[in-house]
Every structure is written in structure tokens, then in C-alpha cells.
């Protein structure tokens, strides 16, 4: 969907091939929203999720294929611009044999955890839509070719990975400052 159409669509779809456990979560949340209990307020505050649907999906240059999608409330509805943060929470963000995660993949993720803010403060920023100018400048400085260290980082890791690693190393106070920056 284009930005304009996406901003008006009431729901967005997430392929359940990549989000199977989320279907169970939102099913349980719907039940909680209908019964008095400790999670009632949280269930009412969380994203609306009417369930799953199978729809033909594709891009203009490929033949559509049917996919089962988890429908989630579109947070962009009613906003011209919206700053969203993708934050991983927890000191350890992958465990072997959980949801099919291999030992090697979990070990690799543990290296990322120790080199980022996951271990230090228990969270890391994975991405941000509509980042403020100050954060964009900081990310560009990470791969600025006029500085030797930045140039080497860009040559070894690449621009995209270097900038993502910089995001993942941000302290919680810097994430919050970027999120709240109205410039």
C-alpha cells in the first residue's frame, strides 16, 4: 500500500508465517477484553485485532499468492506523520529451541545482546520510522567517509548495518529523547 492509502486503511495485515505466536496472544487478549479480571484494562488499551483472514498478496511485478494475515489496528489512521519505534525488550532476546530457534542462531543473537543496550538496560532500539533530524545526523556521522573510523566501519559492516548497530547501542534516555523530539 502507498503511504496515503496505508494512512487511511483501518487495519494492516501481518503474515502469520512470521507471527504464529501473535495469533494466540491476540486471541487470548480478545477473551480478556470480554471478561472482568486483572488484564481487562490492558486488553482494552492494546491494538484492536479482529483475527485472521486469507487474502491474495503480491507486488505489481509478481503473481499474487494467498497468505493468511493477522489483521491489526493501523496506528497511522488519522495521522499525517507518525513516529514509531521498534524496541526489543529483555537482556536476552533469543533462546535456543524456543519457537524453532537453533542453538547457533541463539548464540549469534546473544553476541548482539552483549554488544548493544540489551544487556545494559534491558532494551534496544531496532528501528524508528520518521526519526528526528538530530538522530538522522547521528546515524549519518556513523558512516561519514571524512572520518577514518567511520569510513572503516562503513567498509567492514556496510552503511545499513553500521547505522542499525548505532541505533541498537542507544541508551534508553536517548531513545526517549529521539521519540519525543518535535523538530
N, C-alpha and C. Protein backbone atom coordinates (compact mmCIF):
# COMPACT_ATOMS: atom_id res chain seq x y z
N UNK A 1 0.83 -1.18 0.00
CA UNK A 1 0.00 0.00 0.00
C UNK A 1 0.88 1.25 0.00
N UNK A 2 0.44 2.27 -0.69
CA UNK A 2 1.15 3.54 -0.65
C UNK A 2 0.93 4.23 0.70
N UNK A 3 1.76 5.24 1.01
CA UNK A 3 1.66 5.93 2.29
C UNK A 3 0.28 6.52 2.51
N UNK A 4 -0.29 7.14 1.47
CA UNK A 4 -1.60 7.77 1.61
C UNK A 4 -2.69 6.74 1.88
N UNK A 5 -2.69 5.66 1.12
CA UNK A 5 -3.69 4.61 1.30
C UNK A 5 -3.50 3.91 2.64
N UNK A 6 -2.25 3.65 3.02
CA UNK A 6 -1.96 2.99 4.29
C UNK A 6 -2.45 3.84 5.47
N UNK A 7 -2.34 5.17 5.35
CA UNK A 7 -2.77 6.07 6.42
C UNK A 7 -4.29 6.06 6.59
N UNK A 8 -5.03 5.61 5.57
CA UNK A 8 -6.49 5.57 5.66
C UNK A 8 -7.03 4.17 5.94
N UNK A 9 -6.23 3.14 5.72
CA UNK A 9 -6.70 1.77 5.94
C UNK A 9 -6.87 1.51 7.43
N UNK A 10 -8.01 0.96 7.82
CA UNK A 10 -8.31 0.74 9.22
C UNK A 10 -7.43 -0.35 9.84
N UNK A 11 -7.08 -1.35 9.03
CA UNK A 11 -6.25 -2.46 9.52
C UNK A 11 -5.06 -2.69 8.60
N UNK A 12 -4.02 -3.27 9.15
CA UNK A 12 -2.88 -3.74 8.37
C UNK A 12 -2.76 -5.24 8.62
N UNK A 13 -2.20 -5.96 7.67
CA UNK A 13 -2.07 -7.40 7.79
C UNK A 13 -0.63 -7.82 8.03
N UNK A 14 -0.43 -8.77 8.92
CA UNK A 14 0.89 -9.34 9.20
C UNK A 14 0.82 -10.82 8.88
N UNK A 15 1.72 -11.27 8.01
CA UNK A 15 1.75 -12.67 7.58
C UNK A 15 1.98 -13.57 8.80
N UNK A 16 1.05 -14.49 9.06
CA UNK A 16 1.19 -15.33 10.26
C UNK A 16 2.30 -16.36 10.12
N UNK A 17 2.83 -16.52 8.91
CA UNK A 17 4.00 -17.40 8.77
C UNK A 17 5.16 -16.84 9.59
N UNK A 18 5.15 -15.53 9.82
CA UNK A 18 6.19 -14.87 10.61
C UNK A 18 5.69 -14.46 11.99
N UNK A 19 4.44 -14.73 12.30
CA UNK A 19 3.87 -14.24 13.56
C UNK A 19 2.87 -15.21 14.16
N UNK A 20 3.13 -16.50 14.07
CA UNK A 20 2.18 -17.50 14.55
C UNK A 20 1.81 -17.35 16.02
N UNK A 21 2.79 -17.06 16.88
CA UNK A 21 2.51 -16.94 18.31
C UNK A 21 1.67 -15.70 18.61
N UNK A 22 1.70 -14.70 17.73
CA UNK A 22 0.91 -13.50 17.95
C UNK A 22 -0.58 -13.77 17.78
N UNK A 23 -0.94 -14.74 16.96
CA UNK A 23 -2.35 -15.09 16.78
C UNK A 23 -2.91 -15.56 18.12
N UNK A 24 -2.19 -16.44 18.80
CA UNK A 24 -2.63 -16.94 20.11
C UNK A 24 -2.71 -15.79 21.12
N UNK A 25 -1.73 -14.89 21.09
CA UNK A 25 -1.71 -13.75 22.01
C UNK A 25 -2.96 -12.89 21.83
N UNK A 26 -3.27 -12.53 20.58
CA UNK A 26 -4.43 -11.66 20.35
C UNK A 26 -5.75 -12.38 20.58
N UNK A 27 -5.79 -13.70 20.35
CA UNK A 27 -7.00 -14.46 20.70
C UNK A 27 -7.23 -14.40 22.20
N UNK A 28 -6.18 -14.61 22.98
CA UNK A 28 -6.30 -14.55 24.44
C UNK A 28 -6.66 -13.14 24.90
N UNK A 29 -6.10 -12.14 24.24
CA UNK A 29 -6.38 -10.76 24.60
C UNK A 29 -7.84 -10.41 24.35
N UNK A 30 -8.39 -10.90 23.24
CA UNK A 30 -9.81 -10.67 22.95
C UNK A 30 -10.69 -11.26 24.04
N UNK A 31 -10.33 -12.46 24.52
CA UNK A 31 -11.10 -13.08 25.60
C UNK A 31 -11.00 -12.25 26.88
N UNK A 32 -9.81 -11.73 27.17
CA UNK A 32 -9.61 -10.92 28.37
C UNK A 32 -10.44 -9.64 28.32
N UNK A 33 -10.60 -9.07 27.13
CA UNK A 33 -11.35 -7.83 26.97
C UNK A 33 -12.84 -8.03 27.24
N UNK A 34 -13.29 -9.27 27.20
CA UNK A 34 -14.72 -9.56 27.38
C UNK A 34 -15.06 -10.03 28.79
N UNK A 35 -14.04 -10.25 29.63
CA UNK A 35 -14.30 -10.74 30.98
C UNK A 35 -13.59 -9.87 32.02
N UNK A 36 -14.24 -9.65 33.15
CA UNK A 36 -13.58 -8.88 34.21
C UNK A 36 -12.37 -9.65 34.73
N UNK A 37 -11.31 -8.94 35.01
CA UNK A 37 -10.11 -9.59 35.51
C UNK A 37 -8.93 -8.64 35.49
N UNK A 38 -7.77 -9.13 35.86
CA UNK A 38 -6.60 -8.26 36.00
C UNK A 38 -6.08 -7.67 34.69
N UNK A 39 -6.39 -8.29 33.56
CA UNK A 39 -5.87 -7.81 32.28
C UNK A 39 -6.91 -7.05 31.45
N UNK A 40 -8.07 -6.79 32.02
CA UNK A 40 -9.15 -6.14 31.28
C UNK A 40 -8.73 -4.77 30.73
N UNK A 41 -8.14 -3.92 31.57
CA UNK A 41 -7.74 -2.58 31.12
C UNK A 41 -6.66 -2.66 30.04
N UNK A 42 -5.70 -3.55 30.22
CA UNK A 42 -4.65 -3.71 29.21
C UNK A 42 -5.25 -4.18 27.89
N UNK A 43 -6.14 -5.13 27.95
CA UNK A 43 -6.77 -5.67 26.73
C UNK A 43 -7.53 -4.58 25.98
N UNK A 44 -8.17 -3.68 26.70
CA UNK A 44 -8.92 -2.60 26.05
C UNK A 44 -7.99 -1.55 25.46
N UNK A 45 -6.79 -1.40 26.03
CA UNK A 45 -5.82 -0.41 25.57
C UNK A 45 -5.00 -0.91 24.38
N UNK A 46 -4.81 -2.22 24.27
CA UNK A 46 -3.95 -2.81 23.24
C UNK A 46 -4.56 -2.63 21.84
N UNK A 47 -3.75 -2.93 20.83
CA UNK A 47 -4.20 -2.86 19.45
C UNK A 47 -5.45 -3.71 19.23
N UNK A 48 -6.36 -3.18 18.45
CA UNK A 48 -7.52 -3.97 18.06
C UNK A 48 -7.07 -5.02 17.05
N UNK A 49 -7.59 -6.23 17.20
CA UNK A 49 -7.24 -7.33 16.30
C UNK A 49 -8.47 -8.19 16.07
N UNK A 50 -9.13 -8.01 14.93
CA UNK A 50 -10.34 -8.80 14.67
C UNK A 50 -10.07 -10.27 14.33
N UNK A 51 -8.82 -10.65 14.10
CA UNK A 51 -8.50 -12.05 13.81
C UNK A 51 -7.67 -12.20 12.56
N UNK A 52 -7.86 -13.33 11.87
CA UNK A 52 -7.07 -13.62 10.67
C UNK A 52 -7.98 -13.67 9.44
N UNK A 53 -7.35 -13.50 8.29
CA UNK A 53 -8.06 -13.55 7.02
C UNK A 53 -7.06 -14.04 5.97
N UNK A 54 -7.55 -14.77 4.97
CA UNK A 54 -6.69 -15.20 3.86
C UNK A 54 -7.00 -14.33 2.65
N UNK A 55 -5.94 -13.68 2.14
CA UNK A 55 -6.10 -12.75 1.02
C UNK A 55 -4.99 -12.96 0.00
N UNK A 56 -5.25 -12.65 -1.28
CA UNK A 56 -4.18 -12.69 -2.28
C UNK A 56 -3.22 -11.52 -2.04
N UNK A 57 -1.92 -11.79 -1.96
CA UNK A 57 -0.91 -10.77 -1.69
C UNK A 57 0.19 -10.85 -2.74
N UNK A 58 0.72 -9.72 -3.12
CA UNK A 58 1.81 -9.69 -4.08
C UNK A 58 2.21 -8.26 -4.37
N UNK A 59 3.15 -8.12 -5.27
CA UNK A 59 3.61 -6.82 -5.72
C UNK A 59 3.23 -6.69 -7.20
N UNK A 60 3.31 -5.47 -7.75
CA UNK A 60 2.91 -5.29 -9.16
C UNK A 60 3.67 -6.18 -10.14
N UNK A 61 4.89 -6.58 -9.81
CA UNK A 61 5.68 -7.37 -10.74
C UNK A 61 5.64 -8.88 -10.46
N UNK A 62 4.76 -9.34 -9.57
CA UNK A 62 4.65 -10.78 -9.31
C UNK A 62 3.19 -11.19 -9.19
N UNK A 63 2.95 -12.45 -9.44
CA UNK A 63 1.61 -13.02 -9.35
C UNK A 63 1.20 -13.12 -7.88
N UNK A 64 -0.01 -12.65 -7.53
CA UNK A 64 -0.45 -12.74 -6.13
C UNK A 64 -0.59 -14.19 -5.66
N UNK A 65 -0.23 -14.42 -4.40
CA UNK A 65 -0.43 -15.73 -3.78
C UNK A 65 -1.26 -15.52 -2.51
N UNK A 66 -2.04 -16.50 -2.15
CA UNK A 66 -2.86 -16.39 -0.95
C UNK A 66 -1.99 -16.52 0.29
N UNK A 67 -2.19 -15.60 1.22
CA UNK A 67 -1.48 -15.62 2.50
C UNK A 67 -2.51 -15.42 3.61
N UNK A 68 -2.25 -16.07 4.75
CA UNK A 68 -3.09 -15.85 5.91
C UNK A 68 -2.47 -14.72 6.72
N UNK A 69 -3.26 -13.68 6.94
CA UNK A 69 -2.77 -12.48 7.61
C UNK A 69 -3.48 -12.27 8.95
N UNK A 70 -2.73 -11.82 9.92
CA UNK A 70 -3.27 -11.37 11.19
C UNK A 70 -3.62 -9.89 11.00
N UNK A 71 -4.89 -9.54 11.16
CA UNK A 71 -5.31 -8.15 10.99
C UNK A 71 -5.09 -7.40 12.30
N UNK A 72 -4.38 -6.27 12.21
CA UNK A 72 -4.09 -5.44 13.37
C UNK A 72 -4.52 -4.01 13.09
N UNK A 73 -4.94 -3.34 14.14
CA UNK A 73 -5.32 -1.93 14.02
C UNK A 73 -4.17 -1.13 13.43
N UNK A 74 -4.46 -0.28 12.46
CA UNK A 74 -3.45 0.55 11.82
C UNK A 74 -3.21 1.79 12.67
N UNK A 75 -2.04 1.90 13.26
CA UNK A 75 -1.72 3.03 14.12
C UNK A 75 -1.60 4.35 13.36
N UNK A 76 -1.47 4.29 12.03
CA UNK A 76 -1.30 5.50 11.23
C UNK A 76 -2.61 6.23 10.95
N UNK A 77 -3.74 5.59 11.18
CA UNK A 77 -5.03 6.19 10.87
C UNK A 77 -5.18 7.52 11.62
N UNK A 78 -5.47 8.57 10.85
CA UNK A 78 -5.69 9.88 11.44
C UNK A 78 -4.45 10.73 11.60
N UNK A 79 -3.28 10.22 11.21
CA UNK A 79 -2.04 10.97 11.36
C UNK A 79 -1.41 11.23 9.99
N UNK A 80 -0.89 12.45 9.79
CA UNK A 80 -0.13 12.76 8.59
C UNK A 80 1.26 12.16 8.69
N UNK A 81 1.85 12.25 9.88
CA UNK A 81 3.16 11.65 10.17
C UNK A 81 3.05 10.96 11.51
N UNK A 82 3.75 9.86 11.65
CA UNK A 82 3.71 9.11 12.90
C UNK A 82 5.08 8.52 13.15
N UNK A 83 5.64 8.77 14.30
CA UNK A 83 6.94 8.23 14.66
C UNK A 83 6.72 6.94 15.45
N UNK A 84 7.17 5.84 14.90
CA UNK A 84 7.06 4.55 15.56
C UNK A 84 8.45 4.03 15.90
N UNK A 85 8.56 3.39 17.05
CA UNK A 85 9.82 2.77 17.47
C UNK A 85 9.64 1.26 17.55
N UNK A 86 10.61 0.52 17.04
CA UNK A 86 10.65 -0.93 17.17
C UNK A 86 11.68 -1.23 18.24
N UNK A 87 11.22 -1.64 19.42
CA UNK A 87 12.11 -1.86 20.56
C UNK A 87 12.04 -3.32 20.98
N UNK A 88 13.21 -3.95 21.12
CA UNK A 88 13.30 -5.31 21.67
C UNK A 88 13.51 -5.16 23.16
N UNK A 89 12.71 -5.87 23.93
CA UNK A 89 12.80 -5.77 25.38
C UNK A 89 13.37 -7.07 25.95
N UNK A 90 14.30 -6.92 26.87
CA UNK A 90 14.90 -8.06 27.55
C UNK A 90 16.41 -8.07 27.41
N UNK A 91 17.07 -8.56 28.44
CA UNK A 91 18.53 -8.67 28.39
C UNK A 91 18.97 -9.77 27.44
N UNK A 92 18.13 -10.80 27.32
CA UNK A 92 18.40 -11.93 26.43
C UNK A 92 17.24 -12.02 25.47
N UNK A 93 17.50 -11.82 24.17
CA UNK A 93 16.40 -11.72 23.21
C UNK A 93 16.22 -12.96 22.34
N UNK A 94 16.98 -14.02 22.60
CA UNK A 94 16.80 -15.27 21.85
C UNK A 94 17.27 -16.44 22.70
N UNK A 95 16.52 -17.53 22.65
CA UNK A 95 16.85 -18.73 23.41
C UNK A 95 16.77 -19.93 22.47
N UNK A 96 17.77 -20.79 22.53
CA UNK A 96 17.80 -21.98 21.66
C UNK A 96 16.56 -22.85 21.91
N UNK A 97 16.03 -23.42 20.85
CA UNK A 97 14.89 -24.34 20.86
C UNK A 97 13.56 -23.68 21.20
N UNK A 98 13.52 -22.36 21.31
CA UNK A 98 12.26 -21.67 21.55
C UNK A 98 11.74 -21.16 20.22
N UNK A 99 10.53 -21.56 19.86
CA UNK A 99 9.91 -21.19 18.58
C UNK A 99 10.80 -21.56 17.39
N UNK A 100 11.52 -22.68 17.50
CA UNK A 100 12.32 -23.17 16.39
C UNK A 100 13.69 -22.53 16.24
N UNK A 101 14.10 -21.71 17.20
CA UNK A 101 15.39 -21.02 17.13
C UNK A 101 16.51 -22.04 17.35
N UNK A 102 17.47 -22.07 16.42
CA UNK A 102 18.59 -23.01 16.54
C UNK A 102 19.58 -22.53 17.58
N UNK A 103 20.45 -23.42 18.04
CA UNK A 103 21.47 -23.07 19.01
C UNK A 103 22.40 -22.02 18.43
N UNK A 104 22.80 -22.19 17.18
CA UNK A 104 23.72 -21.25 16.55
C UNK A 104 23.10 -19.87 16.41
N UNK A 105 21.84 -19.83 16.02
CA UNK A 105 21.15 -18.56 15.87
C UNK A 105 20.99 -17.86 17.22
N UNK A 106 20.66 -18.62 18.27
CA UNK A 106 20.54 -18.04 19.61
C UNK A 106 21.89 -17.53 20.11
N UNK A 107 22.95 -18.26 19.84
CA UNK A 107 24.29 -17.84 20.24
C UNK A 107 24.67 -16.54 19.52
N UNK A 108 24.37 -16.49 18.23
CA UNK A 108 24.65 -15.29 17.44
C UNK A 108 23.89 -14.09 18.01
N UNK A 109 22.63 -14.31 18.36
CA UNK A 109 21.82 -13.24 18.94
C UNK A 109 22.36 -12.80 20.30
N UNK A 110 22.92 -13.75 21.06
CA UNK A 110 23.47 -13.38 22.37
C UNK A 110 24.68 -12.46 22.21
N UNK A 111 25.43 -12.62 21.12
CA UNK A 111 26.55 -11.71 20.84
C UNK A 111 26.02 -10.30 20.57
N UNK A 112 24.93 -10.22 19.83
CA UNK A 112 24.31 -8.91 19.56
C UNK A 112 23.83 -8.31 20.88
N UNK A 113 23.20 -9.13 21.73
CA UNK A 113 22.71 -8.64 23.02
C UNK A 113 23.83 -8.01 23.85
N UNK A 114 25.00 -8.67 23.89
CA UNK A 114 26.09 -8.17 24.73
C UNK A 114 26.75 -6.91 24.16
N UNK A 115 26.66 -6.71 22.86
CA UNK A 115 27.28 -5.54 22.22
C UNK A 115 26.33 -4.36 22.09
N UNK A 116 25.09 -4.54 22.48
CA UNK A 116 24.10 -3.48 22.34
C UNK A 116 23.57 -3.09 23.71
N UNK A 117 22.51 -2.33 23.76
CA UNK A 117 21.95 -1.87 25.02
C UNK A 117 21.07 -2.92 25.70
N UNK A 118 20.90 -4.08 25.09
CA UNK A 118 20.05 -5.12 25.68
C UNK A 118 20.55 -5.52 27.07
N UNK A 119 21.83 -5.78 27.19
CA UNK A 119 22.38 -6.21 28.47
C UNK A 119 22.44 -5.04 29.46
N UNK A 120 22.82 -3.86 28.98
CA UNK A 120 22.98 -2.71 29.87
C UNK A 120 21.70 -2.23 30.52
N UNK A 121 20.65 -2.05 29.71
CA UNK A 121 19.40 -1.50 30.24
C UNK A 121 18.18 -2.38 29.95
N UNK A 122 18.40 -3.52 29.31
CA UNK A 122 17.29 -4.44 29.07
C UNK A 122 16.41 -4.10 27.90
N UNK A 123 16.89 -3.23 27.01
CA UNK A 123 16.13 -2.92 25.79
C UNK A 123 17.08 -2.41 24.73
N UNK A 124 16.66 -2.51 23.47
CA UNK A 124 17.42 -1.92 22.38
C UNK A 124 16.48 -1.47 21.27
N UNK A 125 16.87 -0.37 20.63
CA UNK A 125 16.09 0.17 19.53
C UNK A 125 16.50 -0.54 18.25
N UNK A 126 15.54 -1.18 17.59
CA UNK A 126 15.81 -1.88 16.33
C UNK A 126 15.57 -0.99 15.12
N UNK A 127 14.66 -0.04 15.27
CA UNK A 127 14.37 0.85 14.15
C UNK A 127 13.42 1.94 14.59
N UNK A 128 13.35 3.01 13.79
CA UNK A 128 12.44 4.11 14.07
C UNK A 128 11.94 4.69 12.75
N UNK A 129 10.63 4.78 12.62
CA UNK A 129 10.05 5.45 11.46
C UNK A 129 9.94 6.93 11.78
N UNK A 130 10.24 7.79 10.81
CA UNK A 130 10.19 9.24 10.96
C UNK A 130 11.15 9.72 12.07
N UNK A 131 12.42 9.30 12.02
CA UNK A 131 13.35 9.77 13.06
C UNK A 131 13.57 11.28 12.95
N UNK A 132 13.87 11.93 14.08
CA UNK A 132 14.09 13.38 14.05
C UNK A 132 15.43 13.72 13.41
N UNK A 133 15.61 14.97 12.98
CA UNK A 133 16.86 15.38 12.32
C UNK A 133 18.12 15.09 13.15
N UNK A 134 18.05 15.28 14.46
CA UNK A 134 19.23 15.05 15.31
C UNK A 134 19.67 13.57 15.25
N UNK A 135 18.72 12.66 15.26
CA UNK A 135 19.07 11.24 15.19
C UNK A 135 19.58 10.89 13.79
N UNK A 136 18.96 11.43 12.76
CA UNK A 136 19.45 11.19 11.40
C UNK A 136 20.89 11.66 11.24
N UNK A 137 21.21 12.82 11.79
CA UNK A 137 22.58 13.34 11.72
C UNK A 137 23.55 12.41 12.44
N UNK A 138 23.12 11.89 13.58
CA UNK A 138 23.96 10.95 14.35
C UNK A 138 24.21 9.67 13.55
N UNK A 139 23.18 9.18 12.87
CA UNK A 139 23.34 7.95 12.08
C UNK A 139 24.24 8.19 10.86
N UNK A 140 24.11 9.35 10.23
CA UNK A 140 24.97 9.67 9.10
C UNK A 140 26.43 9.82 9.54
N UNK A 141 26.66 10.36 10.74
CA UNK A 141 28.02 10.52 11.26
C UNK A 141 28.70 9.18 11.46
N UNK A 142 27.93 8.14 11.74
CA UNK A 142 28.48 6.80 11.97
C UNK A 142 29.20 6.27 10.73
N UNK A 143 28.76 6.69 9.55
CA UNK A 143 29.36 6.20 8.30
C UNK A 143 29.93 7.34 7.46
N UNK A 144 30.24 8.47 8.09
CA UNK A 144 30.80 9.63 7.40
C UNK A 144 32.20 9.30 6.89
N UNK A 145 32.39 9.35 5.58
CA UNK A 145 33.67 8.95 4.97
C UNK A 145 34.81 9.93 5.24
N UNK A 146 34.51 11.11 5.79
CA UNK A 146 35.58 12.07 6.09
C UNK A 146 36.31 11.74 7.39
N UNK A 147 35.77 10.81 8.17
CA UNK A 147 36.43 10.37 9.40
C UNK A 147 36.90 8.93 9.21
N UNK A 148 38.14 8.67 9.58
CA UNK A 148 38.74 7.36 9.32
C UNK A 148 37.97 6.21 9.98
N UNK A 149 37.61 6.36 11.26
CA UNK A 149 36.90 5.27 11.96
C UNK A 149 35.54 5.01 11.32
N UNK A 150 34.83 6.07 10.97
CA UNK A 150 33.51 5.92 10.34
C UNK A 150 33.65 5.28 8.97
N UNK A 151 34.67 5.69 8.24
CA UNK A 151 34.91 5.11 6.91
C UNK A 151 35.20 3.62 7.01
N UNK A 152 36.05 3.22 7.98
CA UNK A 152 36.38 1.80 8.15
C UNK A 152 35.15 1.00 8.58
N UNK A 153 34.35 1.58 9.47
CA UNK A 153 33.12 0.91 9.92
C UNK A 153 32.21 0.65 8.72
N UNK A 154 32.09 1.66 7.86
CA UNK A 154 31.24 1.54 6.67
C UNK A 154 31.78 0.47 5.72
N UNK A 155 33.11 0.40 5.57
CA UNK A 155 33.71 -0.58 4.66
C UNK A 155 33.58 -2.00 5.21
N UNK A 156 33.68 -2.17 6.52
CA UNK A 156 33.62 -3.51 7.12
C UNK A 156 32.19 -4.01 7.28
N UNK A 157 31.34 -3.18 7.88
CA UNK A 157 29.97 -3.60 8.18
C UNK A 157 28.96 -3.19 7.11
N UNK A 158 29.27 -2.15 6.37
CA UNK A 158 28.30 -1.59 5.43
C UNK A 158 27.52 -0.47 6.11
N UNK A 159 26.94 0.41 5.31
CA UNK A 159 26.25 1.57 5.85
C UNK A 159 25.03 1.20 6.66
N UNK A 160 24.20 0.33 6.12
CA UNK A 160 22.94 -0.03 6.78
C UNK A 160 23.19 -0.71 8.13
N UNK A 161 24.08 -1.70 8.15
CA UNK A 161 24.37 -2.43 9.39
C UNK A 161 25.03 -1.52 10.42
N UNK A 162 25.93 -0.65 9.98
CA UNK A 162 26.59 0.28 10.90
C UNK A 162 25.57 1.20 11.57
N UNK A 163 24.63 1.71 10.78
CA UNK A 163 23.62 2.59 11.34
C UNK A 163 22.65 1.84 12.25
N UNK A 164 22.32 0.62 11.89
CA UNK A 164 21.44 -0.18 12.75
C UNK A 164 22.11 -0.48 14.08
N UNK A 165 23.41 -0.80 14.03
CA UNK A 165 24.17 -1.07 15.25
C UNK A 165 24.21 0.18 16.14
N UNK A 166 24.32 1.35 15.53
CA UNK A 166 24.30 2.60 16.30
C UNK A 166 22.95 2.78 17.01
N UNK A 167 21.86 2.46 16.33
CA UNK A 167 20.54 2.51 16.95
C UNK A 167 20.45 1.55 18.13
N UNK A 168 20.96 0.33 17.93
CA UNK A 168 20.87 -0.71 18.96
C UNK A 168 21.68 -0.37 20.21
N UNK A 169 22.67 0.49 20.05
CA UNK A 169 23.52 0.87 21.18
C UNK A 169 23.02 2.11 21.93
N UNK A 170 21.97 2.76 21.42
CA UNK A 170 21.44 3.95 22.08
C UNK A 170 20.93 3.61 23.48
N UNK A 171 21.21 4.48 24.44
CA UNK A 171 20.69 4.33 25.79
C UNK A 171 19.20 4.68 25.79
N UNK A 172 18.49 4.21 26.77
CA UNK A 172 17.05 4.44 26.86
C UNK A 172 16.73 5.93 26.86
N UNK A 173 17.52 6.74 27.56
CA UNK A 173 17.25 8.19 27.60
C UNK A 173 17.37 8.81 26.21
N UNK A 174 18.31 8.30 25.38
CA UNK A 174 18.48 8.82 24.01
C UNK A 174 17.34 8.37 23.10
N UNK A 175 16.86 7.15 23.31
CA UNK A 175 15.70 6.65 22.54
C UNK A 175 14.48 7.51 22.85
N UNK A 176 14.26 7.76 24.14
CA UNK A 176 13.11 8.57 24.54
C UNK A 176 13.24 10.00 24.02
N UNK A 177 14.44 10.57 24.10
CA UNK A 177 14.66 11.93 23.59
C UNK A 177 14.37 12.01 22.09
N UNK A 178 14.81 11.00 21.33
CA UNK A 178 14.55 10.98 19.88
C UNK A 178 13.06 10.81 19.60
N UNK A 179 12.41 9.96 20.37
CA UNK A 179 10.99 9.72 20.18
C UNK A 179 10.17 10.99 20.44
N UNK A 180 10.56 11.76 21.44
CA UNK A 180 9.81 12.95 21.83
C UNK A 180 10.24 14.22 21.11
N UNK A 181 11.31 14.14 20.31
CA UNK A 181 11.83 15.31 19.59
C UNK A 181 10.81 15.78 18.56
N UNK A 182 10.34 17.00 18.68
CA UNK A 182 9.31 17.52 17.78
C UNK A 182 9.86 18.41 16.68
N UNK A 183 11.18 18.45 16.52
CA UNK A 183 11.77 19.31 15.49
C UNK A 183 11.53 18.76 14.09
